[in-house]
Amino acid sequence: MERATQRPPGFKKPANWTTDPAPEPRAPEPLDDPLDPTRFGDWEHKGIAVDF
């Protein structure tokens, strides 16, 4: 595929650039207690999420 734009002359690719594909996403780690009130960073009080 042809590039839509051209890089300026003398441009050097940074060392951290890669052409490798992105890694596959990992499954989230299971929580010890699924009802932990801080699981989303919020507390719940009488059915209402409260964020300090």
N, C-alpha and C. Protein backbone atom coordinates (compact mmCIF):
# COMPACT_ATOMS: atom_id res chain seq x y z
N MET A 1 0.84 -1.18 0.00
CA MET A 1 0.00 0.00 0.00
C MET A 1 0.89 1.24 0.00
N GLU A 2 0.54 2.19 -0.78
CA GLU A 2 1.32 3.41 -0.90
C GLU A 2 0.93 4.38 0.21
N ARG A 3 1.94 5.05 0.77
CA ARG A 3 1.70 6.01 1.84
C ARG A 3 1.01 7.26 1.31
N ALA A 4 0.12 7.82 2.12
CA ALA A 4 -0.58 9.04 1.74
C ALA A 4 0.32 10.26 1.90
N THR A 5 1.27 10.18 2.82
CA THR A 5 2.19 11.29 3.06
C THR A 5 3.62 10.77 3.04
N GLN A 6 4.55 11.68 2.91
CA GLN A 6 5.96 11.31 2.90
C GLN A 6 6.64 11.92 4.13
N ARG A 7 7.56 11.18 4.72
CA ARG A 7 8.33 11.71 5.84
C ARG A 7 9.38 12.65 5.30
N PRO A 8 9.77 13.62 6.12
CA PRO A 8 10.79 14.56 5.66
C PRO A 8 12.12 13.86 5.40
N PRO A 9 12.93 14.41 4.51
CA PRO A 9 14.24 13.80 4.25
C PRO A 9 15.07 13.78 5.54
N GLY A 10 15.81 12.72 5.73
CA GLY A 10 16.65 12.58 6.91
C GLY A 10 15.92 12.06 8.13
N PHE A 11 14.64 11.72 7.98
CA PHE A 11 13.88 11.19 9.11
C PHE A 11 14.43 9.82 9.49
N LYS A 12 14.64 9.62 10.79
CA LYS A 12 15.10 8.33 11.29
C LYS A 12 14.05 7.76 12.22
N LYS A 13 13.74 6.49 12.04
CA LYS A 13 12.74 5.82 12.85
C LYS A 13 13.24 5.70 14.29
N PRO A 14 12.44 6.12 15.30
CA PRO A 14 12.86 5.97 16.69
C PRO A 14 13.06 4.49 17.05
N ALA A 15 13.94 4.23 17.99
CA ALA A 15 14.27 2.86 18.38
C ALA A 15 13.07 2.11 18.95
N ASN A 16 12.10 2.81 19.55
CA ASN A 16 10.97 2.12 20.15
C ASN A 16 9.85 1.79 19.16
N TRP A 17 9.93 2.23 17.93
CA TRP A 17 8.93 1.89 16.93
C TRP A 17 9.09 0.44 16.53
N THR A 18 7.98 -0.22 16.30
CA THR A 18 8.02 -1.61 15.89
C THR A 18 6.93 -1.87 14.86
N THR A 19 7.12 -2.89 14.08
CA THR A 19 6.10 -3.30 13.11
C THR A 19 5.39 -4.56 13.59
N ASP A 20 5.72 -5.00 14.82
CA ASP A 20 5.06 -6.19 15.37
C ASP A 20 3.59 -5.87 15.65
N PRO A 21 2.71 -6.87 15.49
CA PRO A 21 1.30 -6.62 15.81
C PRO A 21 1.12 -6.48 17.32
N ALA A 22 0.05 -5.84 17.72
CA ALA A 22 -0.24 -5.66 19.14
C ALA A 22 -0.53 -7.01 19.78
N PRO A 23 -0.16 -7.20 21.04
CA PRO A 23 -0.43 -8.48 21.69
C PRO A 23 -1.92 -8.68 21.92
N GLU A 24 -2.33 -9.93 22.04
CA GLU A 24 -3.73 -10.25 22.31
C GLU A 24 -4.08 -9.78 23.73
N PRO A 25 -5.28 -9.26 23.92
CA PRO A 25 -5.66 -8.82 25.27
C PRO A 25 -5.78 -10.02 26.21
N ARG A 26 -5.41 -9.78 27.48
CA ARG A 26 -5.52 -10.83 28.48
C ARG A 26 -6.87 -10.74 29.18
N ALA A 27 -7.33 -11.89 29.68
CA ALA A 27 -8.57 -11.92 30.45
C ALA A 27 -8.31 -11.26 31.80
N PRO A 28 -9.30 -10.55 32.33
CA PRO A 28 -9.09 -9.92 33.64
C PRO A 28 -8.92 -10.97 34.72
N GLU A 29 -8.12 -10.62 35.73
CA GLU A 29 -7.91 -11.55 36.83
C GLU A 29 -9.17 -11.60 37.69
N PRO A 30 -9.57 -12.80 38.12
CA PRO A 30 -10.77 -12.89 38.95
C PRO A 30 -10.55 -12.23 40.32
N LEU A 31 -11.59 -11.62 40.82
CA LEU A 31 -11.53 -10.98 42.13
C LEU A 31 -11.75 -12.02 43.21
N ASP A 32 -11.16 -11.80 44.37
CA ASP A 32 -11.38 -12.70 45.50
C ASP A 32 -12.83 -12.63 45.96
N ASP A 33 -13.37 -11.44 46.01
CA ASP A 33 -14.74 -11.22 46.45
C ASP A 33 -15.45 -10.40 45.38
N PRO A 34 -16.36 -11.03 44.61
CA PRO A 34 -17.03 -10.27 43.53
C PRO A 34 -17.91 -9.13 44.04
N LEU A 35 -18.25 -9.13 45.33
CA LEU A 35 -19.09 -8.06 45.88
C LEU A 35 -18.26 -7.01 46.61
N ASP A 36 -16.97 -7.01 46.41
CA ASP A 36 -16.09 -6.02 47.03
C ASP A 36 -16.56 -4.62 46.60
N PRO A 37 -16.86 -3.74 47.56
CA PRO A 37 -17.41 -2.43 47.19
C PRO A 37 -16.44 -1.55 46.42
N THR A 38 -15.17 -1.86 46.46
CA THR A 38 -14.20 -1.01 45.76
C THR A 38 -13.82 -1.60 44.41
N ARG A 39 -14.55 -2.57 43.91
CA ARG A 39 -14.17 -3.23 42.65
C ARG A 39 -14.16 -2.26 41.47
N PHE A 40 -14.94 -1.20 41.53
CA PHE A 40 -14.93 -0.20 40.46
C PHE A 40 -14.35 1.12 40.94
N GLY A 41 -13.75 1.11 42.11
CA GLY A 41 -13.20 2.34 42.67
C GLY A 41 -14.25 3.18 43.38
N ASP A 42 -15.48 2.65 43.51
CA ASP A 42 -16.57 3.36 44.17
C ASP A 42 -17.10 2.50 45.32
N TRP A 43 -17.76 3.13 46.26
CA TRP A 43 -18.46 2.43 47.31
C TRP A 43 -19.94 2.51 46.99
N GLU A 44 -20.70 1.55 47.47
CA GLU A 44 -22.14 1.56 47.26
C GLU A 44 -22.81 1.69 48.61
N HIS A 45 -23.77 2.61 48.71
CA HIS A 45 -24.52 2.82 49.94
C HIS A 45 -25.99 2.91 49.58
N LYS A 46 -26.76 1.94 50.05
CA LYS A 46 -28.21 1.86 49.77
C LYS A 46 -28.48 1.89 48.27
N GLY A 47 -27.66 1.18 47.51
CA GLY A 47 -27.88 1.05 46.07
C GLY A 47 -27.35 2.21 45.25
N ILE A 48 -26.71 3.19 45.90
CA ILE A 48 -26.18 4.35 45.20
C ILE A 48 -24.65 4.30 45.26
N ALA A 49 -24.00 4.42 44.12
CA ALA A 49 -22.54 4.42 44.09
C ALA A 49 -22.05 5.77 44.61
N VAL A 50 -21.11 5.70 45.55
CA VAL A 50 -20.55 6.91 46.15
C VAL A 50 -19.06 6.90 45.89
N ASP A 51 -18.56 7.96 45.27
CA ASP A 51 -17.16 8.08 44.97
C ASP A 51 -16.58 9.17 45.86
N PHE A 52 -15.63 8.80 46.67
CA PHE A 52 -15.07 9.78 47.60
C PHE A 52 -14.17 10.66 46.85
